[in-house]
Amino acid sequence: MIKNGKDKKITGGGLPQVSEALLEWFEPLTFAVITKTLNNFRVQETETIIETQGVIQPMSAQEVQMKPQGQRKWKWETIHTLPNIALNVDDIIILNLTKYRIMGKYDWARYGYFEFHIVKDYENG
């Protein structure tokens, strides 16, 4: 008797735990998180180094096309990391000597990873 996938009952729902497969693709990532504080009416920036495992890739043309029209020409990247880092939307990070702003955070820790959408941050000059 031939078994067909349509006859298999799906249990548990959702995505499978993929952290083991992702680790094969992940490489060490080191970046700095910029924190701004106001001290004597001056903004001071401090950098906190974060080390994790992950992969960086250009955002697909289809994903960029869905961004607001004025943002489509900006440099967008997608980062997949282990779920061991505390980053949030609007944080500024330095990655490969370039400042980026985190525009989206997607918590897939249940499946073994976080996904971040980052865009090259505005540079004066």
PDB file of N, CA and C in Angstrom:
ATOM      1  N   MET A   1       0.844  -1.173   0.000  1.00  0.00           N
ATOM      2  CA  MET A   1       0.000   0.000   0.000  1.00  0.00           C
ATOM      3  C   MET A   1       0.895   1.244   0.000  1.00  0.00           C
ATOM      4  N   ILE A   2       0.586   2.173  -0.840  1.00  0.00           N
ATOM      5  CA  ILE A   2       1.343   3.413  -0.931  1.00  0.00           C
ATOM      6  C   ILE A   2       0.807   4.391   0.109  1.00  0.00           C
ATOM      7  N   LYS A   3       1.767   4.958   0.895  1.00  0.00           N
ATOM      8  CA  LYS A   3       1.361   5.943   1.890  1.00  0.00           C
ATOM      9  C   LYS A   3       1.573   7.330   1.309  1.00  0.00           C
ATOM     10  N   ASN A   4       0.588   8.161   1.484  1.00  0.00           N
ATOM     11  CA  ASN A   4       0.628   9.509   0.951  1.00  0.00           C
ATOM     12  C   ASN A   4       0.719  10.494   2.108  1.00  0.00           C
ATOM     13  N   GLY A   5       1.455  11.592   1.920  1.00  0.00           N
ATOM     14  CA  GLY A   5       1.611  12.595   2.965  1.00  0.00           C
ATOM     15  C   GLY A   5       0.291  13.193   3.406  1.00  0.00           C
ATOM     16  N   LYS A   6      -0.662  13.275   2.486  1.00  0.00           N
ATOM     17  CA  LYS A   6      -1.955  13.849   2.840  1.00  0.00           C
ATOM     18  C   LYS A   6      -2.707  12.988   3.854  1.00  0.00           C
ATOM     19  N   ASP A   7      -2.332  11.715   3.954  1.00  0.00           N
ATOM     20  CA  ASP A   7      -2.997  10.817   4.886  1.00  0.00           C
ATOM     21  C   ASP A   7      -2.375  10.839   6.286  1.00  0.00           C
ATOM     22  N   LYS A   8      -1.260  11.536   6.442  1.00  0.00           N
ATOM     23  CA  LYS A   8      -0.588  11.583   7.738  1.00  0.00           C
ATOM     24  C   LYS A   8      -1.187  12.698   8.578  1.00  0.00           C
ATOM     25  N   LYS A   9      -1.557  12.373   9.794  1.00  0.00           N
ATOM     26  CA  LYS A   9      -2.126  13.361  10.695  1.00  0.00           C
ATOM     27  C   LYS A   9      -1.007  14.221  11.272  1.00  0.00           C
ATOM     28  N   ILE A  10      -1.217  15.532  11.254  1.00  0.00           N
ATOM     29  CA  ILE A  10      -0.236  16.469  11.800  1.00  0.00           C
ATOM     30  C   ILE A  10      -0.564  16.702  13.261  1.00  0.00           C
ATOM     31  N   THR A  11       0.437  16.509  14.108  1.00  0.00           N
ATOM     32  CA  THR A  11       0.233  16.727  15.534  1.00  0.00           C
ATOM     33  C   THR A  11       1.221  17.766  16.034  1.00  0.00           C
ATOM     34  N   GLY A  12       0.877  18.446  17.087  1.00  0.00           N
ATOM     35  CA  GLY A  12       1.790  19.405  17.703  1.00  0.00           C
ATOM     36  C   GLY A  12       1.723  20.781  17.072  1.00  0.00           C
ATOM     37  N   GLY A  13       1.522  20.862  15.793  1.00  0.00           N
ATOM     38  CA  GLY A  13       1.397  22.143  15.106  1.00  0.00           C
ATOM     39  C   GLY A  13       2.671  22.955  15.115  1.00  0.00           C
ATOM     40  N   GLY A  14       2.741  23.947  14.269  1.00  0.00           N
ATOM     41  CA  GLY A  14       3.872  24.852  14.247  1.00  0.00           C
ATOM     42  C   GLY A  14       5.089  24.293  13.554  1.00  0.00           C
ATOM     43  N   LEU A  15       6.168  25.015  13.743  1.00  0.00           N
ATOM     44  CA  LEU A  15       7.439  24.636  13.129  1.00  0.00           C
ATOM     45  C   LEU A  15       8.176  23.612  13.968  1.00  0.00           C
ATOM     46  N   PRO A  16       9.051  22.848  13.349  1.00  0.00           N
ATOM     47  CA  PRO A  16       9.871  21.913  14.126  1.00  0.00           C
ATOM     48  C   PRO A  16      11.014  22.657  14.812  1.00  0.00           C
ATOM     49  N   GLN A  17      11.576  22.080  15.837  1.00  0.00           N
ATOM     50  CA  GLN A  17      12.770  22.627  16.491  1.00  0.00           C
ATOM     51  C   GLN A  17      13.910  22.501  15.492  1.00  0.00           C
ATOM     52  N   VAL A  18      14.452  23.642  15.050  1.00  0.00           N
ATOM     53  CA  VAL A  18      15.453  23.623  13.983  1.00  0.00           C
ATOM     54  C   VAL A  18      16.820  24.103  14.443  1.00  0.00           C
ATOM     55  N   SER A  19      17.010  24.274  15.744  1.00  0.00           N
ATOM     56  CA  SER A  19      18.271  24.844  16.226  1.00  0.00           C
ATOM     57  C   SER A  19      19.475  23.984  15.827  1.00  0.00           C
ATOM     58  N   GLU A  20      19.347  22.664  15.836  1.00  0.00           N
ATOM     59  CA  GLU A  20      20.481  21.814  15.460  1.00  0.00           C
ATOM     60  C   GLU A  20      20.861  22.025  13.996  1.00  0.00           C
ATOM     61  N   ALA A  21      19.878  22.133  13.126  1.00  0.00           N
ATOM     62  CA  ALA A  21      20.168  22.370  11.714  1.00  0.00           C
ATOM     63  C   ALA A  21      20.749  23.764  11.501  1.00  0.00           C
ATOM     64  N   LEU A  22      20.231  24.749  12.232  1.00  0.00           N
ATOM     65  CA  LEU A  22      20.734  26.112  12.092  1.00  0.00           C
ATOM     66  C   LEU A  22      22.181  26.236  12.543  1.00  0.00           C
ATOM     67  N   LEU A  23      22.563  25.491  13.561  1.00  0.00           N
ATOM     68  CA  LEU A  23      23.932  25.565  14.049  1.00  0.00           C
ATOM     69  C   LEU A  23      24.944  25.200  12.972  1.00  0.00           C
ATOM     70  N   GLU A  24      24.533  24.378  12.031  1.00  0.00           N
ATOM     71  CA  GLU A  24      25.417  24.031  10.914  1.00  0.00           C
ATOM     72  C   GLU A  24      25.710  25.252  10.038  1.00  0.00           C
ATOM     73  N   TRP A  25      24.780  26.203   9.983  1.00  0.00           N
ATOM     74  CA  TRP A  25      24.930  27.392   9.150  1.00  0.00           C
ATOM     75  C   TRP A  25      25.511  28.562   9.937  1.00  0.00           C
ATOM     76  N   PHE A  26      25.290  28.556  11.246  1.00  0.00           N
ATOM     77  CA  PHE A  26      25.692  29.689  12.081  1.00  0.00           C
ATOM     78  C   PHE A  26      27.202  29.788  12.203  1.00  0.00           C
ATOM     79  N   GLU A  27      27.669  31.006  12.365  1.00  0.00           N
ATOM     80  CA  GLU A  27      29.075  31.297  12.603  1.00  0.00           C
ATOM     81  C   GLU A  27      29.148  32.267  13.774  1.00  0.00           C
ATOM     82  N   PRO A  28      30.315  32.428  14.371  1.00  0.00           N
ATOM     83  CA  PRO A  28      30.420  33.383  15.482  1.00  0.00           C
ATOM     84  C   PRO A  28      30.095  34.807  15.000  1.00  0.00           C
ATOM     85  N   LEU A  29      29.283  35.509  15.766  1.00  0.00           N
ATOM     86  CA  LEU A  29      28.946  36.902  15.483  1.00  0.00           C
ATOM     87  C   LEU A  29      29.333  37.755  16.684  1.00  0.00           C
ATOM     88  N   THR A  30      30.007  38.855  16.424  1.00  0.00           N
ATOM     89  CA  THR A  30      30.336  39.812  17.474  1.00  0.00           C
ATOM     90  C   THR A  30      29.885  41.177  16.997  1.00  0.00           C
ATOM     91  N   PHE A  31      29.105  41.857  17.811  1.00  0.00           N
ATOM     92  CA  PHE A  31      28.706  43.211  17.475  1.00  0.00           C
ATOM     93  C   PHE A  31      28.553  44.023  18.740  1.00  0.00           C
ATOM     94  N   ALA A  32      28.486  45.346  18.565  1.00  0.00           N
ATOM     95  CA  ALA A  32      28.346  46.257  19.702  1.00  0.00           C
ATOM     96  C   ALA A  32      26.948  46.845  19.699  1.00  0.00           C
ATOM     97  N   VAL A  33      26.371  46.948  20.895  1.00  0.00           N
ATOM     98  CA  VAL A  33      25.090  47.622  21.066  1.00  0.00           C
ATOM     99  C   VAL A  33      25.383  49.005  21.619  1.00  0.00           C
ATOM    100  N   ILE A  34      24.838  50.030  20.984  1.00  0.00           N
ATOM    101  CA  ILE A  34      25.060  51.414  21.390  1.00  0.00           C
ATOM    102  C   ILE A  34      23.960  51.827  22.365  1.00  0.00           C
ATOM    103  N   THR A  35      24.366  52.332  23.526  1.00  0.00           N
ATOM    104  CA  THR A  35      23.430  52.870  24.511  1.00  0.00           C
ATOM    105  C   THR A  35      23.726  54.353  24.666  1.00  0.00           C
ATOM    106  N   LYS A  36      22.696  55.168  24.558  1.00  0.00           N
ATOM    107  CA  LYS A  36      22.865  56.614  24.687  1.00  0.00           C
ATOM    108  C   LYS A  36      22.317  57.066  26.036  1.00  0.00           C
ATOM    109  N   THR A  37      23.101  57.893  26.733  1.00  0.00           N
ATOM    110  CA  THR A  37      22.673  58.476  28.004  1.00  0.00           C
ATOM    111  C   THR A  37      22.946  59.969  27.965  1.00  0.00           C
ATOM    112  N   LEU A  38      22.170  60.708  28.735  1.00  0.00           N
ATOM    113  CA  LEU A  38      22.349  62.150  28.827  1.00  0.00           C
ATOM    114  C   LEU A  38      23.113  62.456  30.101  1.00  0.00           C
ATOM    115  N   ASN A  39      24.268  63.112  29.975  1.00  0.00           N
ATOM    116  CA  ASN A  39      25.118  63.435  31.110  1.00  0.00           C
ATOM    117  C   ASN A  39      25.562  64.888  30.975  1.00  0.00           C
ATOM    118  N   ASN A  40      25.142  65.729  31.916  1.00  0.00           N
ATOM    119  CA  ASN A  40      25.456  67.164  31.862  1.00  0.00           C
ATOM    120  C   ASN A  40      25.061  67.774  30.519  1.00  0.00           C
ATOM    121  N   PHE A  41      23.858  67.449  30.076  1.00  0.00           N
ATOM    122  CA  PHE A  41      23.281  67.981  28.842  1.00  0.00           C
ATOM    123  C   PHE A  41      24.018  67.536  27.574  1.00  0.00           C
ATOM    124  N   ARG A  42      24.818  66.512  27.681  1.00  0.00           N
ATOM    125  CA  ARG A  42      25.520  65.954  26.519  1.00  0.00           C
ATOM    126  C   ARG A  42      25.161  64.480  26.381  1.00  0.00           C
ATOM    127  N   VAL A  43      24.988  64.084  25.140  1.00  0.00           N
ATOM    128  CA  VAL A  43      24.681  62.683  24.879  1.00  0.00           C
ATOM    129  C   VAL A  43      25.987  61.899  24.850  1.00  0.00           C
ATOM    130  N   GLN A  44      26.033  60.849  25.647  1.00  0.00           N
ATOM    131  CA  GLN A  44      27.194  59.975  25.661  1.00  0.00           C
ATOM    132  C   GLN A  44      26.772  58.597  25.165  1.00  0.00           C
ATOM    133  N   GLU A  45      27.601  58.048  24.303  1.00  0.00           N
ATOM    134  CA  GLU A  45      27.339  56.716  23.771  1.00  0.00           C
ATOM    135  C   GLU A  45      28.302  55.728  24.406  1.00  0.00           C
ATOM    136  N   THR A  46      27.766  54.600  24.832  1.00  0.00           N
ATOM    137  CA  THR A  46      28.605  53.514  25.332  1.00  0.00           C
ATOM    138  C   THR A  46      28.307  52.278  24.492  1.00  0.00           C
ATOM    139  N   GLU A  47      29.330  51.475  24.303  1.00  0.00           N
ATOM    140  CA  GLU A  47      29.188  50.258  23.511  1.00  0.00           C
ATOM    141  C   GLU A  47      29.290  49.041  24.413  1.00  0.00           C
ATOM    142  N   THR A  48      28.380  48.115  24.229  1.00  0.00           N
ATOM    143  CA  THR A  48      28.414  46.835  24.925  1.00  0.00           C
ATOM    144  C   THR A  48      28.621  45.752  23.872  1.00  0.00           C
ATOM    145  N   ILE A  49      29.677  44.981  24.031  1.00  0.00           N
ATOM    146  CA  ILE A  49      29.982  43.924  23.062  1.00  0.00           C
ATOM    147  C   ILE A  49      29.116  42.696  23.352  1.00  0.00           C
ATOM    148  N   ILE A  50      28.520  42.164  22.294  1.00  0.00           N
ATOM    149  CA  ILE A  50      27.709  40.951  22.394  1.00  0.00           C
ATOM    150  C   ILE A  50      28.302  39.910  21.459  1.00  0.00           C
ATOM    151  N   GLU A  51      28.460  38.703  21.974  1.00  0.00           N
ATOM    152  CA  GLU A  51      28.931  37.589  21.156  1.00  0.00           C
ATOM    153  C   GLU A  51      27.871  36.499  21.140  1.00  0.00           C
ATOM    154  N   THR A  52      27.610  35.988  19.969  1.00  0.00           N
ATOM    155  CA  THR A  52      26.621  34.921  19.812  1.00  0.00           C
ATOM    156  C   THR A  52      26.974  34.135  18.552  1.00  0.00           C
ATOM    157  N   GLN A  53      26.085  33.294  18.141  1.00  0.00           N
ATOM    158  CA  GLN A  53      26.201  32.550  16.886  1.00  0.00           C
ATOM    159  C   GLN A  53      25.049  32.978  16.002  1.00  0.00           C
ATOM    160  N   GLY A  54      25.300  33.080  14.696  1.00  0.00           N
ATOM    161  CA  GLY A  54      24.216  33.464  13.801  1.00  0.00           C
ATOM    162  C   GLY A  54      24.662  33.533  12.362  1.00  0.00           C
ATOM    163  N   VAL A  55      23.766  34.039  11.546  1.00  0.00           N
ATOM    164  CA  VAL A  55      24.047  34.212  10.128  1.00  0.00           C
ATOM    165  C   VAL A  55      23.381  35.513   9.676  1.00  0.00           C
ATOM    166  N   ILE A  56      24.114  36.260   8.828  1.00  0.00           N
ATOM    167  CA  ILE A  56      23.625  37.524   8.283  1.00  0.00           C
ATOM    168  C   ILE A  56      23.413  37.320   6.794  1.00  0.00           C
ATOM    169  N   GLN A  57      22.297  37.834   6.291  1.00  0.00           N
ATOM    170  CA  GLN A  57      22.050  37.718   4.861  1.00  0.00           C
ATOM    171  C   GLN A  57      21.290  38.954   4.383  1.00  0.00           C
ATOM    172  N   PRO A  58      21.488  39.331   3.130  1.00  0.00           N
ATOM    173  CA  PRO A  58      20.708  40.446   2.588  1.00  0.00           C
ATOM    174  C   PRO A  58      19.223  40.098   2.622  1.00  0.00           C
ATOM    175  N   MET A  59      18.411  41.085   2.867  1.00  0.00           N
ATOM    176  CA  MET A  59      16.973  40.858   2.859  1.00  0.00           C
ATOM    177  C   MET A  59      16.528  40.615   1.419  1.00  0.00           C
ATOM    178  N   SER A  60      15.585  39.736   1.234  1.00  0.00           N
ATOM    179  CA  SER A  60      15.118  39.406  -0.115  1.00  0.00           C
ATOM    180  C   SER A  60      14.443  40.616  -0.758  1.00  0.00           C
ATOM    181  N   ALA A  61      14.467  40.652  -2.074  1.00  0.00           N
ATOM    182  CA  ALA A  61      13.842  41.752  -2.820  1.00  0.00           C
ATOM    183  C   ALA A  61      12.354  41.846  -2.506  1.00  0.00           C
ATOM    184  N   GLN A  62      11.701  40.706  -2.307  1.00  0.00           N
ATOM    185  CA  GLN A  62      10.273  40.716  -1.989  1.00  0.00           C
ATOM    186  C   GLN A  62      10.014  41.356  -0.631  1.00  0.00           C
ATOM    187  N   GLU A  63      10.878  41.069   0.368  1.00  0.00           N
ATOM    188  CA  GLU A  63      10.706  41.671   1.685  1.00  0.00           C
ATOM    189  C   GLU A  63      10.972  43.170   1.635  1.00  0.00           C
ATOM    190  N   VAL A  64      12.003  43.583   0.911  1.00  0.00           N
ATOM    191  CA  VAL A  64      12.318  45.007   0.794  1.00  0.00           C
ATOM    192  C   VAL A  64      11.172  45.731   0.087  1.00  0.00           C
ATOM    193  N   GLN A  65      10.579  45.106  -0.914  1.00  0.00           N
ATOM    194  CA  GLN A  65       9.478  45.715  -1.663  1.00  0.00           C
ATOM    195  C   GLN A  65       8.289  46.018  -0.753  1.00  0.00           C
ATOM    196  N   MET A  66       8.139  45.277   0.336  1.00  0.00           N
ATOM    197  CA  MET A  66       7.026  45.484   1.254  1.00  0.00           C
ATOM    198  C   MET A  66       7.287  46.615   2.251  1.00  0.00           C
ATOM    199  N   LYS A  67       8.506  47.143   2.281  1.00  0.00           N
ATOM    200  CA  LYS A  67       8.840  48.254   3.176  1.00  0.00           C
ATOM    201  C   LYS A  67       8.215  49.538   2.634  1.00  0.00           C
ATOM    202  N   PRO A  68       8.014  50.545   3.512  1.00  0.00           N
ATOM    203  CA  PRO A  68       7.487  51.825   3.012  1.00  0.00           C
ATOM    204  C   PRO A  68       8.378  52.371   1.893  1.00  0.00           C
ATOM    205  N   GLN A  69       7.768  53.070   0.947  1.00  0.00           N
ATOM    206  CA  GLN A  69       8.462  53.485  -0.271  1.00  0.00           C
ATOM    207  C   GLN A  69       9.758  54.237   0.007  1.00  0.00           C
ATOM    208  N   GLY A  70       9.794  55.118   0.974  1.00  0.00           N
ATOM    209  CA  GLY A  70      10.992  55.895   1.250  1.00  0.00           C
ATOM    210  C   GLY A  70      12.138  55.083   1.830  1.00  0.00           C
ATOM    211  N   GLN A  71      11.862  53.871   2.300  1.00  0.00           N
ATOM    212  CA  GLN A  71      12.891  53.050   2.938  1.00  0.00           C
ATOM    213  C   GLN A  71      13.449  51.967   2.020  1.00  0.00           C
ATOM    214  N   ARG A  72      12.924  51.826   0.840  1.00  0.00           N
ATOM    215  CA  ARG A  72      13.296  50.704  -0.027  1.00  0.00           C
ATOM    216  C   ARG A  72      14.727  50.776  -0.534  1.00  0.00           C
ATOM    217  N   LYS A  73      15.301  51.958  -0.610  1.00  0.00           N
ATOM    218  CA  LYS A  73      16.663  52.080  -1.129  1.00  0.00           C
ATOM    219  C   LYS A  73      17.699  51.920  -0.032  1.00  0.00           C
ATOM    220  N   TRP A  74      17.264  51.842   1.199  1.00  0.00           N
ATOM    221  CA  TRP A  74      18.198  51.679   2.300  1.00  0.00           C
ATOM    222  C   TRP A  74      18.741  50.250   2.303  1.00  0.00           C
ATOM    223  N   LYS A  75      19.877  50.050   2.960  1.00  0.00           N
ATOM    224  CA  LYS A  75      20.493  48.720   3.037  1.00  0.00           C
ATOM    225  C   LYS A  75      19.828  47.914   4.159  1.00  0.00           C
ATOM    226  N   TRP A  76      19.094  46.883   3.786  1.00  0.00           N
ATOM    227  CA  TRP A  76      18.393  46.013   4.723  1.00  0.00           C
ATOM    228  C   TRP A  76      19.122  44.670   4.801  1.00  0.00           C
ATOM    229  N   GLU A  77      19.199  44.125   6.010  1.00  0.00           N
ATOM    230  CA  GLU A  77      19.789  42.804   6.243  1.00  0.00           C
ATOM    231  C   GLU A  77      18.856  42.021   7.170  1.00  0.00           C
ATOM    232  N   THR A  78      19.001  40.727   7.146  1.00  0.00           N
ATOM    233  CA  THR A  78      18.301  39.843   8.077  1.00  0.00           C
ATOM    234  C   THR A  78      19.354  39.084   8.861  1.00  0.00           C
ATOM    235  N   ILE A  79      19.175  39.025  10.174  1.00  0.00           N
ATOM    236  CA  ILE A  79      20.090  38.273  11.027  1.00  0.00           C
ATOM    237  C   ILE A  79      19.283  37.196  11.741  1.00  0.00           C
ATOM    238  N   HIS A  80      19.781  35.974  11.702  1.00  0.00           N
ATOM    239  CA  HIS A  80      19.227  34.882  12.504  1.00  0.00           C
ATOM    240  C   HIS A  80      20.276  34.570  13.563  1.00  0.00           C
ATOM    241  N   THR A  81      19.876  34.547  14.834  1.00  0.00           N
ATOM    242  CA  THR A  81      20.815  34.295  15.925  1.00  0.00           C
ATOM    243  C   THR A  81      20.258  33.253  16.877  1.00  0.00           C
ATOM    244  N   LEU A  82      21.157  32.770  17.727  1.00  0.00           N
ATOM    245  CA  LEU A  82      20.694  31.967  18.847  1.00  0.00           C
ATOM    246  C   LEU A  82      19.822  32.860  19.733  1.00  0.00           C
ATOM    247  N   PRO A  83      18.896  32.280  20.461  1.00  0.00           N
ATOM    248  CA  PRO A  83      18.000  33.111  21.283  1.00  0.00           C
ATOM    249  C   PRO A  83      18.618  33.507  22.632  1.00  0.00           C
ATOM    250  N   ASN A  84      19.925  33.744  22.649  1.00  0.00           N
ATOM    251  CA  ASN A  84      20.589  34.072  23.911  1.00  0.00           C
ATOM    252  C   ASN A  84      20.972  35.537  24.017  1.00  0.00           C
ATOM    253  N   ILE A  85      20.421  36.391  23.166  1.00  0.00           N
ATOM    254  CA  ILE A  85      20.789  37.803  23.201  1.00  0.00           C
ATOM    255  C   ILE A  85      19.563  38.672  23.479  1.00  0.00           C
ATOM    256  N   ALA A  86      19.806  39.796  24.125  1.00  0.00           N
ATOM    257  CA  ALA A  86      18.722  40.713  24.489  1.00  0.00           C
ATOM    258  C   ALA A  86      18.826  41.964  23.631  1.00  0.00           C
ATOM    259  N   LEU A  87      18.220  41.929  22.475  1.00  0.00           N
ATOM    260  CA  LEU A  87      18.141  43.093  21.594  1.00  0.00           C
ATOM    261  C   LEU A  87      16.673  43.409  21.376  1.00  0.00           C
ATOM    262  N   ASN A  88      16.397  44.688  21.124  1.00  0.00           N
ATOM    263  CA  ASN A  88      15.020  45.109  20.928  1.00  0.00           C
ATOM    264  C   ASN A  88      14.911  46.023  19.721  1.00  0.00           C
ATOM    265  N   VAL A  89      13.696  46.190  19.237  1.00  0.00           N
ATOM    266  CA  VAL A  89      13.435  47.104  18.138  1.00  0.00           C
ATOM    267  C   VAL A  89      13.897  48.498  18.558  1.00  0.00           C
ATOM    268  N   ASP A  90      14.542  49.197  17.658  1.00  0.00           N
ATOM    269  CA  ASP A  90      15.072  50.551  17.806  1.00  0.00           C
ATOM    270  C   ASP A  90      16.451  50.593  18.453  1.00  0.00           C
ATOM    271  N   ASP A  91      16.999  49.447  18.861  1.00  0.00           N
ATOM    272  CA  ASP A  91      18.380  49.427  19.332  1.00  0.00           C
ATOM    273  C   ASP A  91      19.306  49.707  18.148  1.00  0.00           C
ATOM    274  N   ILE A  92      20.456  50.322  18.441  1.00  0.00           N
ATOM    275  CA  ILE A  92      21.478  50.578  17.428  1.00  0.00           C
ATOM    276  C   ILE A  92      22.613  49.600  17.676  1.00  0.00           C
ATOM    277  N   ILE A  93      23.056  48.929  16.612  1.00  0.00           N
ATOM    278  CA  ILE A  93      24.180  48.008  16.739  1.00  0.00           C
ATOM    279  C   ILE A  93      25.248  48.380  15.713  1.00  0.00           C
ATOM    280  N   ILE A  94      26.475  47.994  16.006  1.00  0.00           N
ATOM    281  CA  ILE A  94      27.561  48.146  15.045  1.00  0.00           C
ATOM    282  C   ILE A  94      27.969  46.744  14.622  1.00  0.00           C
ATOM    283  N   LEU A  95      27.887  46.514  13.332  1.00  0.00           N
ATOM    284  CA  LEU A  95      28.181  45.204  12.761  1.00  0.00           C
ATOM    285  C   LEU A  95      29.087  45.427  11.565  1.00  0.00           C
ATOM    286  N   ASN A  96      30.259  44.829  11.585  1.00  0.00           N
ATOM    287  CA  ASN A  96      31.236  45.007  10.499  1.00  0.00           C
ATOM    288  C   ASN A  96      31.505  46.493  10.221  1.00  0.00           C
ATOM    289  N   LEU A  97      31.702  47.253  11.292  1.00  0.00           N
ATOM    290  CA  LEU A  97      32.034  48.684  11.241  1.00  0.00           C
ATOM    291  C   LEU A  97      30.910  49.564  10.696  1.00  0.00           C
ATOM    292  N   THR A  98      29.700  49.049  10.592  1.00  0.00           N
ATOM    293  CA  THR A  98      28.556  49.808  10.093  1.00  0.00           C
ATOM    294  C   THR A  98      27.477  49.848  11.169  1.00  0.00           C
ATOM    295  N   LYS A  99      26.877  51.044  11.370  1.00  0.00           N
ATOM    296  CA  LYS A  99      25.777  51.183  12.325  1.00  0.00           C
ATOM    297  C   LYS A  99      24.467  50.772  11.665  1.00  0.00           C
ATOM    298  N   TYR A 100      23.724  49.943  12.370  1.00  0.00           N
ATOM    299  CA  TYR A 100      22.411  49.509  11.924  1.00  0.00           C
ATOM    300  C   TYR A 100      21.402  49.773  13.032  1.00  0.00           C
ATOM    301  N   ARG A 101      20.148  49.941  12.641  1.00  0.00           N
ATOM    302  CA  ARG A 101      19.048  50.053  13.597  1.00  0.00           C
ATOM    303  C   ARG A 101      18.176  48.810  13.460  1.00  0.00           C
ATOM    304  N   ILE A 102      17.792  48.244  14.581  1.00  0.00           N
ATOM    305  CA  ILE A 102      16.915  47.069  14.559  1.00  0.00           C
ATOM    306  C   ILE A 102      15.490  47.545  14.314  1.00  0.00           C
ATOM    307  N   MET A 103      14.919  47.088  13.224  1.00  0.00           N
ATOM    308  CA  MET A 103      13.577  47.508  12.823  1.00  0.00           C
ATOM    309  C   MET A 103      12.520  46.436  13.095  1.00  0.00           C
ATOM    310  N   GLY A 104      12.951  45.201  13.274  1.00  0.00           N
ATOM    311  CA  GLY A 104      12.006  44.127  13.552  1.00  0.00           C
ATOM    312  C   GLY A 104      12.677  43.013  14.329  1.00  0.00           C
ATOM    313  N   LYS A 105      11.972  42.487  15.311  1.00  0.00           N
ATOM    314  CA  LYS A 105      12.467  41.349  16.094  1.00  0.00           C
ATOM    315  C   LYS A 105      11.377  40.288  16.087  1.00  0.00           C
ATOM    316  N   TYR A 106      11.756  39.082  15.724  1.00  0.00           N
ATOM    317  CA  TYR A 106      10.806  37.977  15.635  1.00  0.00           C
ATOM    318  C   TYR A 106      11.311  36.847  16.517  1.00  0.00           C
ATOM    319  N   ASP A 107      10.566  36.568  17.548  1.00  0.00           N
ATOM    320  CA  ASP A 107      10.969  35.610  18.570  1.00  0.00           C
ATOM    321  C   ASP A 107      10.549  34.201  18.165  1.00  0.00           C
ATOM    322  N   TRP A 108      11.501  33.479  17.631  1.00  0.00           N
ATOM    323  CA  TRP A 108      11.295  32.084  17.262  1.00  0.00           C
ATOM    324  C   TRP A 108      12.090  31.179  18.203  1.00  0.00           C
ATOM    325  N   ALA A 109      12.287  31.631  19.454  1.00  0.00           N
ATOM    326  CA  ALA A 109      13.073  30.874  20.427  1.00  0.00           C
ATOM    327  C   ALA A 109      12.505  29.471  20.628  1.00  0.00           C
ATOM    328  N   ARG A 110      11.224  29.347  20.496  1.00  0.00           N
ATOM    329  CA  ARG A 110      10.586  28.027  20.633  1.00  0.00           C
ATOM    330  C   ARG A 110      11.150  27.033  19.610  1.00  0.00           C
ATOM    331  N   TYR A 111      11.631  27.584  18.494  1.00  0.00           N
ATOM    332  CA  TYR A 111      12.187  26.749  17.429  1.00  0.00           C
ATOM    333  C   TYR A 111      13.695  26.864  17.325  1.00  0.00           C
ATOM    334  N   GLY A 112      14.313  27.622  18.240  1.00  0.00           N
ATOM    335  CA  GLY A 112      15.763  27.645  18.329  1.00  0.00           C
ATOM    336  C   GLY A 112      16.471  28.888  17.818  1.00  0.00           C
ATOM    337  N   TYR A 113      15.716  29.961  17.463  1.00  0.00           N
ATOM    338  CA  TYR A 113      16.415  31.148  16.947  1.00  0.00           C
ATOM    339  C   TYR A 113      15.575  32.413  17.095  1.00  0.00           C
ATOM    340  N   PHE A 114      16.245  33.560  16.978  1.00  0.00           N
ATOM    341  CA  PHE A 114      15.613  34.877  16.831  1.00  0.00           C
ATOM    342  C   PHE A 114      15.890  35.342  15.408  1.00  0.00           C
ATOM    343  N   GLU A 115      14.993  36.151  14.866  1.00  0.00           N
ATOM    344  CA  GLU A 115      15.212  36.789  13.571  1.00  0.00           C
ATOM    345  C   GLU A 115      15.103  38.299  13.770  1.00  0.00           C
ATOM    346  N   PHE A 116      16.078  39.034  13.242  1.00  0.00           N
ATOM    347  CA  PHE A 116      16.076  40.486  13.327  1.00  0.00           C
ATOM    348  C   PHE A 116      16.143  41.062  11.926  1.00  0.00           C
ATOM    349  N   HIS A 117      15.358  42.122  11.685  1.00  0.00           N
ATOM    350  CA  HIS A 117      15.465  42.888  10.454  1.00  0.00           C
ATOM    351  C   HIS A 117      16.180  44.177  10.828  1.00  0.00           C
ATOM    352  N   ILE A 118      17.289  44.438  10.154  1.00  0.00           N
ATOM    353  CA  ILE A 118      18.087  45.629  10.476  1.00  0.00           C
ATOM    354  C   ILE A 118      18.265  46.477   9.221  1.00  0.00           C
ATOM    355  N   VAL A 119      18.429  47.767   9.429  1.00  0.00           N
ATOM    356  CA  VAL A 119      18.634  48.694   8.323  1.00  0.00           C
ATOM    357  C   VAL A 119      19.812  49.584   8.674  1.00  0.00           C
ATOM    358  N   LYS A 120      20.593  49.937   7.652  1.00  0.00           N
ATOM    359  CA  LYS A 120      21.731  50.807   7.871  1.00  0.00           C
ATOM    360  C   LYS A 120      21.229  52.112   8.472  1.00  0.00           C
ATOM    361  N   ASP A 121      21.821  52.529   9.584  1.00  0.00           N
ATOM    362  CA  ASP A 121      21.356  53.712  10.301  1.00  0.00           C
ATOM    363  C   ASP A 121      21.825  54.986   9.602  1.00  0.00           C
ATOM    364  N   TYR A 122      21.088  56.032   9.808  1.00  0.00           N
ATOM    365  CA  TYR A 122      21.431  57.338   9.229  1.00  0.00           C
ATOM    366  C   TYR A 122      22.802  57.774   9.709  1.00  0.00           C
ATOM    367  N   GLU A 123      23.612  58.240   8.781  1.00  0.00           N
ATOM    368  CA  GLU A 123      24.917  58.780   9.125  1.00  0.00           C
ATOM    369  C   GLU A 123      24.982  60.226   8.662  1.00  0.00           C
ATOM    370  N   ASN A 124      25.374  61.106   9.538  1.00  0.00           N
ATOM    371  CA  ASN A 124      25.460  62.518   9.212  1.00  0.00           C
ATOM    372  C   ASN A 124      26.748  62.778   8.434  1.00  0.00           C
ATOM    373  N   GLY A 125      26.620  63.244   7.209  1.00  0.00           N
ATOM    374  CA  GLY A 125      27.806  63.594   6.432  1.00  0.00           C
ATOM    375  C   GLY A 125      28.118  62.679   5.362  1.00  0.00           C
TER     376      GLY A 125
END
